[in-house]
């Protein structure tokens, strides 16, 4: 997955990292994990997803000011994606 850069005027300093979260949606519960990505990257590949399964994905940017104080941004609205069956 890829995402757009946050405009400079909407940041609280430089982007230190992105937090990419994915959760498997099962019976109204969301069981998932998060991964920290360097702030210079705007791409991530999910691995080991289960075929024919619904997932919610969101991204959050963490920024730091000149004193290295970290500001956790608000997560994006989650997007829902469903994996397909394996080919072959």
N, C-alpha and C. Protein backbone atom coordinates (compact mmCIF):
# COMPACT_ATOMS: atom_id res chain seq x y z
N UNK A 1 0.83 -1.16 0.00
CA UNK A 1 0.00 0.00 0.00
C UNK A 1 0.88 1.23 0.00
N UNK A 2 0.36 2.30 -0.53
CA UNK A 2 1.08 3.57 -0.56
C UNK A 2 0.15 4.67 -0.05
N UNK A 3 0.73 5.79 0.35
CA UNK A 3 -0.07 6.92 0.81
C UNK A 3 0.65 8.21 0.43
N UNK A 4 -0.13 9.29 0.43
CA UNK A 4 0.39 10.61 0.06
C UNK A 4 1.13 11.25 1.23
N UNK A 5 2.06 12.10 0.89
CA UNK A 5 2.80 12.87 1.89
C UNK A 5 1.85 13.87 2.55
N UNK A 6 2.05 14.12 3.83
CA UNK A 6 1.24 15.10 4.55
C UNK A 6 1.77 16.49 4.21
N UNK A 7 0.91 17.42 3.81
CA UNK A 7 1.37 18.77 3.49
C UNK A 7 2.09 19.41 4.69
N UNK A 8 3.12 20.18 4.41
CA UNK A 8 3.96 20.78 5.47
C UNK A 8 3.15 21.55 6.51
N UNK A 9 2.15 22.28 6.08
CA UNK A 9 1.37 23.10 7.01
C UNK A 9 0.48 22.28 7.94
N UNK A 10 0.34 20.99 7.68
CA UNK A 10 -0.49 20.13 8.52
C UNK A 10 0.34 19.25 9.45
N UNK A 11 1.63 19.47 9.49
CA UNK A 11 2.52 18.67 10.35
C UNK A 11 2.83 19.42 11.64
N UNK A 12 3.20 18.68 12.67
CA UNK A 12 3.67 19.27 13.93
C UNK A 12 5.18 19.12 14.03
N UNK A 13 5.90 19.35 12.95
CA UNK A 13 7.34 19.11 12.90
C UNK A 13 7.63 18.17 11.75
N UNK A 14 8.80 17.53 11.79
CA UNK A 14 9.11 16.59 10.72
C UNK A 14 8.52 15.23 11.04
N UNK A 15 8.16 14.49 10.00
CA UNK A 15 7.56 13.17 10.19
C UNK A 15 8.66 12.19 10.59
N UNK A 16 8.57 11.70 11.81
CA UNK A 16 9.57 10.77 12.32
C UNK A 16 9.27 9.33 11.89
N UNK A 17 7.98 9.01 11.87
CA UNK A 17 7.58 7.65 11.52
C UNK A 17 6.10 7.64 11.16
N UNK A 18 5.74 6.62 10.42
CA UNK A 18 4.33 6.31 10.17
C UNK A 18 4.02 5.01 10.91
N UNK A 19 2.84 4.93 11.49
CA UNK A 19 2.39 3.71 12.13
C UNK A 19 1.28 3.13 11.24
N UNK A 20 1.55 1.98 10.65
CA UNK A 20 0.60 1.31 9.78
C UNK A 20 -0.07 0.21 10.60
N UNK A 21 -1.39 0.24 10.67
CA UNK A 21 -2.13 -0.74 11.46
C UNK A 21 -3.06 -1.54 10.55
N UNK A 22 -3.10 -2.83 10.81
CA UNK A 22 -4.01 -3.71 10.07
C UNK A 22 -4.67 -4.63 11.07
N UNK A 23 -5.96 -4.84 10.87
CA UNK A 23 -6.65 -5.79 11.74
C UNK A 23 -7.60 -6.65 10.92
N UNK A 24 -7.65 -7.89 11.31
CA UNK A 24 -8.55 -8.85 10.67
C UNK A 24 -9.92 -8.69 11.33
N UNK A 25 -10.93 -8.46 10.54
CA UNK A 25 -12.28 -8.26 11.07
C UNK A 25 -12.96 -9.61 11.20
N UNK A 26 -13.31 -9.98 12.42
CA UNK A 26 -13.98 -11.25 12.69
C UNK A 26 -15.06 -11.03 13.73
N UNK A 27 -16.28 -11.34 13.40
CA UNK A 27 -17.40 -11.26 14.36
C UNK A 27 -17.43 -9.94 15.12
N UNK A 28 -17.31 -8.84 14.41
CA UNK A 28 -17.36 -7.49 14.98
C UNK A 28 -16.14 -7.14 15.80
N UNK A 29 -15.19 -8.04 15.92
CA UNK A 29 -13.94 -7.74 16.61
C UNK A 29 -12.87 -7.42 15.57
N UNK A 30 -11.85 -6.75 16.00
CA UNK A 30 -10.75 -6.41 15.10
C UNK A 30 -9.46 -6.83 15.79
N UNK A 31 -8.85 -7.89 15.31
CA UNK A 31 -7.62 -8.41 15.88
C UNK A 31 -6.49 -8.05 14.94
N UNK A 32 -5.50 -7.28 15.44
CA UNK A 32 -4.49 -6.84 14.49
C UNK A 32 -3.16 -6.50 15.10
N UNK A 33 -2.38 -5.80 14.28
CA UNK A 33 -1.02 -5.45 14.64
C UNK A 33 -0.66 -4.11 14.01
N UNK A 34 0.39 -3.49 14.52
CA UNK A 34 0.88 -2.22 13.98
C UNK A 34 2.36 -2.34 13.70
N UNK A 35 2.82 -1.56 12.73
CA UNK A 35 4.22 -1.57 12.33
C UNK A 35 4.67 -0.13 12.16
N UNK A 36 5.82 0.20 12.74
CA UNK A 36 6.41 1.54 12.56
C UNK A 36 7.25 1.55 11.30
N UNK A 37 7.04 2.57 10.47
CA UNK A 37 7.74 2.73 9.20
C UNK A 37 8.49 4.06 9.26
N UNK A 38 9.70 4.09 8.76
CA UNK A 38 10.48 5.34 8.75
C UNK A 38 9.70 6.46 8.07
N UNK A 39 9.82 7.67 8.59
CA UNK A 39 9.08 8.81 8.06
C UNK A 39 9.42 9.17 6.63
N UNK A 40 10.52 8.65 6.12
CA UNK A 40 10.91 8.92 4.73
C UNK A 40 10.22 7.96 3.76
N UNK A 41 9.59 6.91 4.26
CA UNK A 41 8.90 5.93 3.42
C UNK A 41 7.41 6.22 3.39
N UNK A 42 6.79 5.91 2.26
CA UNK A 42 5.34 6.02 2.14
C UNK A 42 4.79 4.81 1.39
N UNK A 43 5.38 3.65 1.71
CA UNK A 43 4.95 2.40 1.09
C UNK A 43 5.17 1.27 2.09
N UNK A 44 4.24 0.32 2.08
CA UNK A 44 4.38 -0.85 2.95
C UNK A 44 3.67 -2.02 2.29
N UNK A 45 4.25 -3.20 2.39
CA UNK A 45 3.66 -4.42 1.85
C UNK A 45 3.29 -5.35 3.00
N UNK A 46 2.03 -5.70 3.05
CA UNK A 46 1.56 -6.65 4.06
C UNK A 46 1.84 -8.06 3.57
N UNK A 47 2.26 -8.93 4.48
CA UNK A 47 2.53 -10.32 4.13
C UNK A 47 1.70 -11.23 5.04
N UNK A 48 1.59 -12.46 4.65
CA UNK A 48 0.92 -13.51 5.42
C UNK A 48 -0.55 -13.19 5.70
N UNK A 49 -1.22 -12.57 4.72
CA UNK A 49 -2.65 -12.32 4.87
C UNK A 49 -3.42 -13.58 4.51
N UNK A 50 -4.57 -13.74 5.10
CA UNK A 50 -5.39 -14.93 4.90
C UNK A 50 -6.32 -14.68 3.70
N UNK A 51 -6.38 -15.62 2.75
CA UNK A 51 -7.28 -15.46 1.61
C UNK A 51 -8.74 -15.32 2.05
N UNK A 52 -9.50 -14.57 1.24
CA UNK A 52 -10.94 -14.36 1.47
C UNK A 52 -11.23 -13.83 2.88
N UNK A 53 -10.45 -12.87 3.32
CA UNK A 53 -10.57 -12.32 4.66
C UNK A 53 -10.67 -10.80 4.59
N UNK A 54 -11.52 -10.22 5.44
CA UNK A 54 -11.70 -8.78 5.50
C UNK A 54 -10.73 -8.17 6.51
N UNK A 55 -10.05 -7.09 6.09
CA UNK A 55 -9.11 -6.38 6.94
C UNK A 55 -9.45 -4.89 6.95
N UNK A 56 -9.19 -4.23 8.08
CA UNK A 56 -9.24 -2.78 8.16
C UNK A 56 -7.80 -2.27 8.30
N UNK A 57 -7.48 -1.23 7.54
CA UNK A 57 -6.12 -0.69 7.53
C UNK A 57 -6.19 0.81 7.81
N UNK A 58 -5.29 1.31 8.66
CA UNK A 58 -5.19 2.75 8.90
C UNK A 58 -3.73 3.13 9.07
N UNK A 59 -3.46 4.42 8.93
CA UNK A 59 -2.11 4.95 9.03
C UNK A 59 -2.13 6.17 9.93
N UNK A 60 -1.09 6.32 10.74
CA UNK A 60 -0.92 7.48 11.62
C UNK A 60 0.50 8.01 11.44
N UNK A 61 0.66 9.31 11.42
CA UNK A 61 2.00 9.91 11.35
C UNK A 61 2.40 10.43 12.72
N UNK A 62 3.61 10.12 13.14
CA UNK A 62 4.19 10.68 14.35
C UNK A 62 5.23 11.69 13.93
N UNK A 63 5.16 12.89 14.50
CA UNK A 63 6.14 13.93 14.17
C UNK A 63 6.93 14.32 15.40
N UNK A 64 8.07 14.95 15.16
CA UNK A 64 8.92 15.43 16.26
C UNK A 64 9.29 16.87 15.99
N UNK A 65 9.37 17.67 17.06
CA UNK A 65 9.82 19.04 16.89
C UNK A 65 11.33 19.11 17.12
N UNK A 66 11.88 20.30 17.16
CA UNK A 66 13.34 20.46 17.28
C UNK A 66 13.89 19.96 18.61
N UNK A 67 13.03 19.73 19.62
CA UNK A 67 13.48 19.19 20.90
C UNK A 67 13.26 17.68 20.98
N UNK A 68 12.86 17.09 19.84
CA UNK A 68 12.59 15.65 19.73
C UNK A 68 11.40 15.21 20.58
N UNK A 69 10.50 16.15 20.86
CA UNK A 69 9.24 15.81 21.49
C UNK A 69 8.36 15.17 20.43
N UNK A 70 7.81 14.01 20.73
CA UNK A 70 7.01 13.28 19.76
C UNK A 70 5.53 13.66 19.88
N UNK A 71 4.91 13.90 18.75
CA UNK A 71 3.48 14.19 18.68
C UNK A 71 2.83 13.07 17.87
N UNK A 72 1.96 12.31 18.51
CA UNK A 72 1.26 11.24 17.80
C UNK A 72 0.07 11.84 17.08
N UNK A 73 0.03 11.63 15.79
CA UNK A 73 -1.09 12.13 15.00
C UNK A 73 -2.31 11.26 15.16
N UNK A 74 -3.41 11.74 14.64
CA UNK A 74 -4.64 10.96 14.64
C UNK A 74 -4.58 9.94 13.51
N UNK A 75 -5.09 8.74 13.74
CA UNK A 75 -5.08 7.75 12.65
C UNK A 75 -6.04 8.15 11.54
N UNK A 76 -5.73 7.70 10.35
CA UNK A 76 -6.62 7.92 9.22
C UNK A 76 -7.91 7.15 9.43
N UNK A 77 -8.92 7.51 8.68
CA UNK A 77 -10.12 6.68 8.66
C UNK A 77 -9.71 5.32 8.10
N UNK A 78 -10.12 4.23 8.74
CA UNK A 78 -9.72 2.92 8.22
C UNK A 78 -10.36 2.64 6.87
N UNK A 79 -9.61 1.95 6.05
CA UNK A 79 -10.17 1.44 4.81
C UNK A 79 -10.36 -0.06 4.97
N UNK A 80 -11.38 -0.60 4.36
CA UNK A 80 -11.65 -2.03 4.44
C UNK A 80 -11.26 -2.66 3.11
N UNK A 81 -10.52 -3.75 3.20
CA UNK A 81 -10.13 -4.49 2.01
C UNK A 81 -10.36 -5.98 2.28
N UNK A 82 -10.69 -6.71 1.22
CA UNK A 82 -10.86 -8.14 1.34
C UNK A 82 -9.86 -8.82 0.43
N UNK A 83 -9.13 -9.77 0.99
CA UNK A 83 -8.16 -10.51 0.19
C UNK A 83 -8.89 -11.47 -0.75
N UNK A 84 -8.24 -11.82 -1.83
CA UNK A 84 -8.82 -12.73 -2.81
C UNK A 84 -8.30 -14.15 -2.57
N UNK A 85 -8.90 -15.09 -3.26
CA UNK A 85 -8.45 -16.49 -3.17
C UNK A 85 -7.12 -16.63 -3.91
N UNK A 86 -6.27 -17.53 -3.46
CA UNK A 86 -5.00 -17.74 -4.16
C UNK A 86 -5.25 -18.25 -5.58
N UNK A 87 -4.39 -17.84 -6.46
CA UNK A 87 -4.52 -18.28 -7.85
C UNK A 87 -3.79 -19.60 -8.04
N UNK A 88 -4.32 -20.42 -8.92
CA UNK A 88 -3.64 -21.67 -9.25
C UNK A 88 -4.32 -22.85 -8.81
